[in-house]
Amino acid sequence: MLAFKVDDMTCGHCVSAITQALKAVDPDARVSIDLARHLVCVEPAEADAGQLSVAITQAGYTPEPVQTAG
């Protein structure tokens, strides 16, 4: 599981845009977003952390990798 803190994700549109960007890079990835905590969690099927981070950046946001427990 990879996680990114995305402080400039502020609304449902942001959640949708980030989800679509991640799915474009890795269609089979499992994406979970906690808007209140500005946290994007991804269980990738094919893409690596760098590719996922670039996808979020290209969608117009600033992801910061964070460590997840387990």
PDB file of N, CA and C in Angstrom:
ATOM      1  N   MET A   1       0.853  -1.185   0.000  1.00  0.00           N
ATOM      2  CA  MET A   1       0.000   0.000   0.000  1.00  0.00           C
ATOM      3  C   MET A   1       0.891   1.237   0.000  1.00  0.00           C
ATOM      4  N   LEU A   2       0.618   2.138  -0.929  1.00  0.00           N
ATOM      5  CA  LEU A   2       1.341   3.408  -1.004  1.00  0.00           C
ATOM      6  C   LEU A   2       0.404   4.513  -0.540  1.00  0.00           C
ATOM      7  N   ALA A   3       0.958   5.519   0.092  1.00  0.00           N
ATOM      8  CA  ALA A   3       0.135   6.626   0.567  1.00  0.00           C
ATOM      9  C   ALA A   3       0.802   7.953   0.249  1.00  0.00           C
ATOM     10  N   PHE A   4      -0.042   8.923  -0.069  1.00  0.00           N
ATOM     11  CA  PHE A   4       0.422  10.279  -0.372  1.00  0.00           C
ATOM     12  C   PHE A   4      -0.432  11.269   0.398  1.00  0.00           C
ATOM     13  N   LYS A   5       0.213  12.257   0.986  1.00  0.00           N
ATOM     14  CA  LYS A   5      -0.497  13.375   1.606  1.00  0.00           C
ATOM     15  C   LYS A   5      -0.652  14.429   0.516  1.00  0.00           C
ATOM     16  N   VAL A   6      -1.885  14.848   0.276  1.00  0.00           N
ATOM     17  CA  VAL A   6      -2.160  15.819  -0.789  1.00  0.00           C
ATOM     18  C   VAL A   6      -2.934  16.979  -0.155  1.00  0.00           C
ATOM     19  N   ASP A   7      -2.187  17.946   0.387  1.00  0.00           N
ATOM     20  CA  ASP A   7      -2.809  19.030   1.143  1.00  0.00           C
ATOM     21  C   ASP A   7      -3.689  19.940   0.288  1.00  0.00           C
ATOM     22  N   ASP A   8      -3.438  19.998  -1.024  1.00  0.00           N
ATOM     23  CA  ASP A   8      -4.258  20.871  -1.870  1.00  0.00           C
ATOM     24  C   ASP A   8      -5.472  20.141  -2.456  1.00  0.00           C
ATOM     25  N   MET A   9      -5.783  18.963  -1.951  1.00  0.00           N
ATOM     26  CA  MET A   9      -7.005  18.229  -2.307  1.00  0.00           C
ATOM     27  C   MET A   9      -8.074  18.683  -1.315  1.00  0.00           C
ATOM     28  N   THR A  10      -9.078  19.418  -1.802  1.00  0.00           N
ATOM     29  CA  THR A  10     -10.011  20.063  -0.880  1.00  0.00           C
ATOM     30  C   THR A  10     -11.477  19.722  -1.065  1.00  0.00           C
ATOM     31  N   CYS A  11     -11.834  19.006  -2.154  1.00  0.00           N
ATOM     32  CA  CYS A  11     -13.258  18.781  -2.408  1.00  0.00           C
ATOM     33  C   CYS A  11     -13.481  17.485  -3.179  1.00  0.00           C
ATOM     34  N   GLY A  12     -14.727  17.188  -3.413  1.00  0.00           N
ATOM     35  CA  GLY A  12     -15.079  15.985  -4.156  1.00  0.00           C
ATOM     36  C   GLY A  12     -14.523  15.979  -5.571  1.00  0.00           C
ATOM     37  N   HIS A  13     -14.466  17.146  -6.200  1.00  0.00           N
ATOM     38  CA  HIS A  13     -13.899  17.219  -7.553  1.00  0.00           C
ATOM     39  C   HIS A  13     -12.434  16.810  -7.523  1.00  0.00           C
ATOM     40  N   CYS A  14     -11.707  17.248  -6.504  1.00  0.00           N
ATOM     41  CA  CYS A  14     -10.296  16.878  -6.362  1.00  0.00           C
ATOM     42  C   CYS A  14     -10.161  15.362  -6.233  1.00  0.00           C
ATOM     43  N   VAL A  15     -11.008  14.761  -5.413  1.00  0.00           N
ATOM     44  CA  VAL A  15     -10.983  13.313  -5.210  1.00  0.00           C
ATOM     45  C   VAL A  15     -11.195  12.601  -6.540  1.00  0.00           C
ATOM     46  N   SER A  16     -12.178  13.065  -7.299  1.00  0.00           N
ATOM     47  CA  SER A  16     -12.487  12.464  -8.592  1.00  0.00           C
ATOM     48  C   SER A  16     -11.327  12.620  -9.572  1.00  0.00           C
ATOM     49  N   ALA A  17     -10.738  13.806  -9.624  1.00  0.00           N
ATOM     50  CA  ALA A  17      -9.631  14.070 -10.551  1.00  0.00           C
ATOM     51  C   ALA A  17      -8.422  13.191 -10.221  1.00  0.00           C
ATOM     52  N   ILE A  18      -8.119  13.060  -8.950  1.00  0.00           N
ATOM     53  CA  ILE A  18      -6.967  12.243  -8.538  1.00  0.00           C
ATOM     54  C   ILE A  18      -7.243  10.767  -8.809  1.00  0.00           C
ATOM     55  N   THR A  19      -8.446  10.323  -8.504  1.00  0.00           N
ATOM     56  CA  THR A  19      -8.803   8.923  -8.769  1.00  0.00           C
ATOM     57  C   THR A  19      -8.672   8.613 -10.253  1.00  0.00           C
ATOM     58  N   GLN A  20      -9.205   9.488 -11.104  1.00  0.00           N
ATOM     59  CA  GLN A  20      -9.120   9.271 -12.553  1.00  0.00           C
ATOM     60  C   GLN A  20      -7.677   9.268 -13.026  1.00  0.00           C
ATOM     61  N   ALA A  21      -6.854  10.154 -12.497  1.00  0.00           N
ATOM     62  CA  ALA A  21      -5.447  10.222 -12.892  1.00  0.00           C
ATOM     63  C   ALA A  21      -4.720   8.929 -12.514  1.00  0.00           C
ATOM     64  N   LEU A  22      -4.987   8.424 -11.323  1.00  0.00           N
ATOM     65  CA  LEU A  22      -4.343   7.187 -10.881  1.00  0.00           C
ATOM     66  C   LEU A  22      -4.812   5.990 -11.698  1.00  0.00           C
ATOM     67  N   LYS A  23      -6.105   5.942 -11.996  1.00  0.00           N
ATOM     68  CA  LYS A  23      -6.657   4.831 -12.778  1.00  0.00           C
ATOM     69  C   LYS A  23      -6.144   4.867 -14.222  1.00  0.00           C
ATOM     70  N   ALA A  24      -5.823   6.055 -14.724  1.00  0.00           N
ATOM     71  CA  ALA A  24      -5.281   6.163 -16.083  1.00  0.00           C
ATOM     72  C   ALA A  24      -3.900   5.515 -16.163  1.00  0.00           C
ATOM     73  N   VAL A  25      -3.130   5.611 -15.083  1.00  0.00           N
ATOM     74  CA  VAL A  25      -1.789   5.033 -15.031  1.00  0.00           C
ATOM     75  C   VAL A  25      -1.847   3.549 -14.692  1.00  0.00           C
ATOM     76  N   ASP A  26      -2.763   3.179 -13.807  1.00  0.00           N
ATOM     77  CA  ASP A  26      -2.864   1.793 -13.335  1.00  0.00           C
ATOM     78  C   ASP A  26      -4.347   1.448 -13.167  1.00  0.00           C
ATOM     79  N   PRO A  27      -4.992   0.990 -14.251  1.00  0.00           N
ATOM     80  CA  PRO A  27      -6.443   0.750 -14.221  1.00  0.00           C
ATOM     81  C   PRO A  27      -6.918  -0.232 -13.150  1.00  0.00           C
ATOM     82  N   ASP A  28      -6.058  -1.161 -12.745  1.00  0.00           N
ATOM     83  CA  ASP A  28      -6.469  -2.158 -11.758  1.00  0.00           C
ATOM     84  C   ASP A  28      -6.086  -1.804 -10.323  1.00  0.00           C
ATOM     85  N   ALA A  29      -5.542  -0.605 -10.131  1.00  0.00           N
ATOM     86  CA  ALA A  29      -5.156  -0.175  -8.781  1.00  0.00           C
ATOM     87  C   ALA A  29      -6.401   0.029  -7.923  1.00  0.00           C
ATOM     88  N   ARG A  30      -6.245  -0.229  -6.621  1.00  0.00           N
ATOM     89  CA  ARG A  30      -7.314   0.066  -5.668  1.00  0.00           C
ATOM     90  C   ARG A  30      -6.978   1.398  -5.016  1.00  0.00           C
ATOM     91  N   VAL A  31      -7.881   2.368  -5.177  1.00  0.00           N
ATOM     92  CA  VAL A  31      -7.654   3.724  -4.681  1.00  0.00           C
ATOM     93  C   VAL A  31      -8.618   4.008  -3.543  1.00  0.00           C
ATOM     94  N   SER A  32      -8.074   4.523  -2.448  1.00  0.00           N
ATOM     95  CA  SER A  32      -8.877   4.898  -1.292  1.00  0.00           C
ATOM     96  C   SER A  32      -8.446   6.300  -0.873  1.00  0.00           C
ATOM     97  N   ILE A  33      -9.416   7.220  -0.761  1.00  0.00           N
ATOM     98  CA  ILE A  33      -9.077   8.605  -0.456  1.00  0.00           C
ATOM     99  C   ILE A  33      -9.835   9.074   0.778  1.00  0.00           C
ATOM    100  N   ASP A  34      -9.089   9.653   1.718  1.00  0.00           N
ATOM    101  CA  ASP A  34      -9.670  10.245   2.924  1.00  0.00           C
ATOM    102  C   ASP A  34      -9.515  11.754   2.780  1.00  0.00           C
ATOM    103  N   LEU A  35     -10.584  12.403   2.318  1.00  0.00           N
ATOM    104  CA  LEU A  35     -10.530  13.845   2.044  1.00  0.00           C
ATOM    105  C   LEU A  35     -10.243  14.650   3.313  1.00  0.00           C
ATOM    106  N   ALA A  36     -10.838  14.266   4.440  1.00  0.00           N
ATOM    107  CA  ALA A  36     -10.655  15.013   5.686  1.00  0.00           C
ATOM    108  C   ALA A  36      -9.192  15.036   6.120  1.00  0.00           C
ATOM    109  N   ARG A  37      -8.482  13.927   5.871  1.00  0.00           N
ATOM    110  CA  ARG A  37      -7.067  13.837   6.252  1.00  0.00           C
ATOM    111  C   ARG A  37      -6.124  14.154   5.091  1.00  0.00           C
ATOM    112  N   HIS A  38      -6.692  14.471   3.922  1.00  0.00           N
ATOM    113  CA  HIS A  38      -5.895  14.760   2.712  1.00  0.00           C
ATOM    114  C   HIS A  38      -4.973  13.592   2.381  1.00  0.00           C
ATOM    115  N   LEU A  39      -5.507  12.370   2.505  1.00  0.00           N
ATOM    116  CA  LEU A  39      -4.695  11.179   2.334  1.00  0.00           C
ATOM    117  C   LEU A  39      -5.201  10.343   1.160  1.00  0.00           C
ATOM    118  N   VAL A  40      -4.281  10.014   0.263  1.00  0.00           N
ATOM    119  CA  VAL A  40      -4.580   9.161  -0.886  1.00  0.00           C
ATOM    120  C   VAL A  40      -3.813   7.858  -0.691  1.00  0.00           C
ATOM    121  N   CYS A  41      -4.533   6.748  -0.609  1.00  0.00           N
ATOM    122  CA  CYS A  41      -3.903   5.431  -0.470  1.00  0.00           C
ATOM    123  C   CYS A  41      -4.148   4.640  -1.751  1.00  0.00           C
ATOM    124  N   VAL A  42      -3.101   3.989  -2.220  1.00  0.00           N
ATOM    125  CA  VAL A  42      -3.192   3.244  -3.472  1.00  0.00           C
ATOM    126  C   VAL A  42      -2.563   1.870  -3.280  1.00  0.00           C
ATOM    127  N   GLU A  43      -3.285   0.859  -3.709  1.00  0.00           N
ATOM    128  CA  GLU A  43      -2.727  -0.487  -3.784  1.00  0.00           C
ATOM    129  C   GLU A  43      -2.530  -0.758  -5.271  1.00  0.00           C
ATOM    130  N   PRO A  44      -1.310  -0.513  -5.769  1.00  0.00           N
ATOM    131  CA  PRO A  44      -1.087  -0.600  -7.212  1.00  0.00           C
ATOM    132  C   PRO A  44      -1.085  -2.041  -7.717  1.00  0.00           C
ATOM    133  N   ALA A  45      -1.496  -2.194  -8.974  1.00  0.00           N
ATOM    134  CA  ALA A  45      -1.425  -3.488  -9.634  1.00  0.00           C
ATOM    135  C   ALA A  45      -0.161  -3.544 -10.494  1.00  0.00           C
ATOM    136  N   GLU A  46       0.189  -2.425 -11.117  1.00  0.00           N
ATOM    137  CA  GLU A  46       1.324  -2.390 -12.032  1.00  0.00           C
ATOM    138  C   GLU A  46       2.278  -1.223 -11.787  1.00  0.00           C
ATOM    139  N   ALA A  47       1.721  -0.053 -11.485  1.00  0.00           N
ATOM    140  CA  ALA A  47       2.532   1.166 -11.396  1.00  0.00           C
ATOM    141  C   ALA A  47       3.350   1.207 -10.107  1.00  0.00           C
ATOM    142  N   ASP A  48       4.451   1.952 -10.148  1.00  0.00           N
ATOM    143  CA  ASP A  48       5.251   2.139  -8.937  1.00  0.00           C
ATOM    144  C   ASP A  48       4.932   3.497  -8.321  1.00  0.00           C
ATOM    145  N   ALA A  49       5.518   3.760  -7.168  1.00  0.00           N
ATOM    146  CA  ALA A  49       5.233   4.998  -6.430  1.00  0.00           C
ATOM    147  C   ALA A  49       5.541   6.236  -7.270  1.00  0.00           C
ATOM    148  N   GLY A  50       6.631   6.199  -8.013  1.00  0.00           N
ATOM    149  CA  GLY A  50       7.003   7.345  -8.846  1.00  0.00           C
ATOM    150  C   GLY A  50       5.966   7.647  -9.913  1.00  0.00           C
ATOM    151  N   GLN A  51       5.488   6.610 -10.575  1.00  0.00           N
ATOM    152  CA  GLN A  51       4.479   6.797 -11.622  1.00  0.00           C
ATOM    153  C   GLN A  51       3.180   7.345 -11.038  1.00  0.00           C
ATOM    154  N   LEU A  52       2.802   6.856  -9.881  1.00  0.00           N
ATOM    155  CA  LEU A  52       1.570   7.321  -9.243  1.00  0.00           C
ATOM    156  C   LEU A  52       1.706   8.770  -8.786  1.00  0.00           C
ATOM    157  N   SER A  53       2.870   9.109  -8.252  1.00  0.00           N
ATOM    158  CA  SER A  53       3.119  10.484  -7.820  1.00  0.00           C
ATOM    159  C   SER A  53       3.060  11.440  -9.009  1.00  0.00           C
ATOM    160  N   VAL A  54       3.659  11.043 -10.117  1.00  0.00           N
ATOM    161  CA  VAL A  54       3.627  11.873 -11.332  1.00  0.00           C
ATOM    162  C   VAL A  54       2.187  12.054 -11.808  1.00  0.00           C
ATOM    163  N   ALA A  55       1.392  11.004 -11.750  1.00  0.00           N
ATOM    164  CA  ALA A  55      -0.007  11.093 -12.181  1.00  0.00           C
ATOM    165  C   ALA A  55      -0.771  12.124 -11.343  1.00  0.00           C
ATOM    166  N   ILE A  56      -0.550  12.106 -10.024  1.00  0.00           N
ATOM    167  CA  ILE A  56      -1.221  13.080  -9.152  1.00  0.00           C
ATOM    168  C   ILE A  56      -0.729  14.497  -9.470  1.00  0.00           C
ATOM    169  N   THR A  57       0.577  14.634  -9.686  1.00  0.00           N
ATOM    170  CA  THR A  57       1.149  15.941 -10.020  1.00  0.00           C
ATOM    171  C   THR A  57       0.575  16.466 -11.333  1.00  0.00           C
ATOM    172  N   GLN A  58       0.485  15.606 -12.336  1.00  0.00           N
ATOM    173  CA  GLN A  58      -0.039  16.023 -13.636  1.00  0.00           C
ATOM    174  C   GLN A  58      -1.516  16.388 -13.564  1.00  0.00           C
ATOM    175  N   ALA A  59      -2.217  15.869 -12.564  1.00  0.00           N
ATOM    176  CA  ALA A  59      -3.620  16.229 -12.361  1.00  0.00           C
ATOM    177  C   ALA A  59      -3.740  17.600 -11.693  1.00  0.00           C
ATOM    178  N   GLY A  60      -2.604  18.167 -11.269  1.00  0.00           N
ATOM    179  CA  GLY A  60      -2.610  19.517 -10.713  1.00  0.00           C
ATOM    180  C   GLY A  60      -2.454  19.594  -9.202  1.00  0.00           C
ATOM    181  N   TYR A  61      -1.996  18.507  -8.588  1.00  0.00           N
ATOM    182  CA  TYR A  61      -1.881  18.465  -7.132  1.00  0.00           C
ATOM    183  C   TYR A  61      -0.442  18.199  -6.707  1.00  0.00           C
ATOM    184  N   THR A  62      -0.159  18.366  -5.423  1.00  0.00           N
ATOM    185  CA  THR A  62       1.200  18.189  -4.914  1.00  0.00           C
ATOM    186  C   THR A  62       1.254  17.057  -3.893  1.00  0.00           C
ATOM    187  N   PRO A  63       1.512  15.834  -4.355  1.00  0.00           N
ATOM    188  CA  PRO A  63       1.566  14.690  -3.461  1.00  0.00           C
ATOM    189  C   PRO A  63       2.885  14.619  -2.700  1.00  0.00           C
ATOM    190  N   GLU A  64       2.803  14.232  -1.436  1.00  0.00           N
ATOM    191  CA  GLU A  64       3.984  13.970  -0.626  1.00  0.00           C
ATOM    192  C   GLU A  64       3.872  12.540  -0.114  1.00  0.00           C
ATOM    193  N   PRO A  65       4.844  11.672  -0.452  1.00  0.00           N
ATOM    194  CA  PRO A  65       4.771  10.292   0.035  1.00  0.00           C
ATOM    195  C   PRO A  65       4.793  10.247   1.559  1.00  0.00           C
ATOM    196  N   VAL A  66       3.988   9.361   2.118  1.00  0.00           N
ATOM    197  CA  VAL A  66       3.984   9.151   3.570  1.00  0.00           C
ATOM    198  C   VAL A  66       4.078   7.653   3.840  1.00  0.00           C
ATOM    199  N   GLN A  67       4.566   7.311   5.011  1.00  0.00           N
ATOM    200  CA  GLN A  67       4.657   5.915   5.415  1.00  0.00           C
ATOM    201  C   GLN A  67       3.304   5.448   5.931  1.00  0.00           C
ATOM    202  N   THR A  68       2.948   4.222   5.618  1.00  0.00           N
ATOM    203  CA  THR A  68       1.712   3.654   6.147  1.00  0.00           C
ATOM    204  C   THR A  68       2.062   2.513   7.096  1.00  0.00           C
ATOM    205  N   ALA A  69       1.239   2.296   8.057  1.00  0.00           N
ATOM    206  CA  ALA A  69       1.460   1.186   8.984  1.00  0.00           C
ATOM    207  C   ALA A  69       0.994  -0.103   8.315  1.00  0.00           C
ATOM    208  N   GLY A  70       1.904  -1.033   8.162  1.00  0.00           N
ATOM    209  CA  GLY A  70       1.559  -2.304   7.549  1.00  0.00           C
ATOM    210  C   GLY A  70       1.478  -2.175   6.100  1.00  0.00           C
TER     211      GLY A  70
END
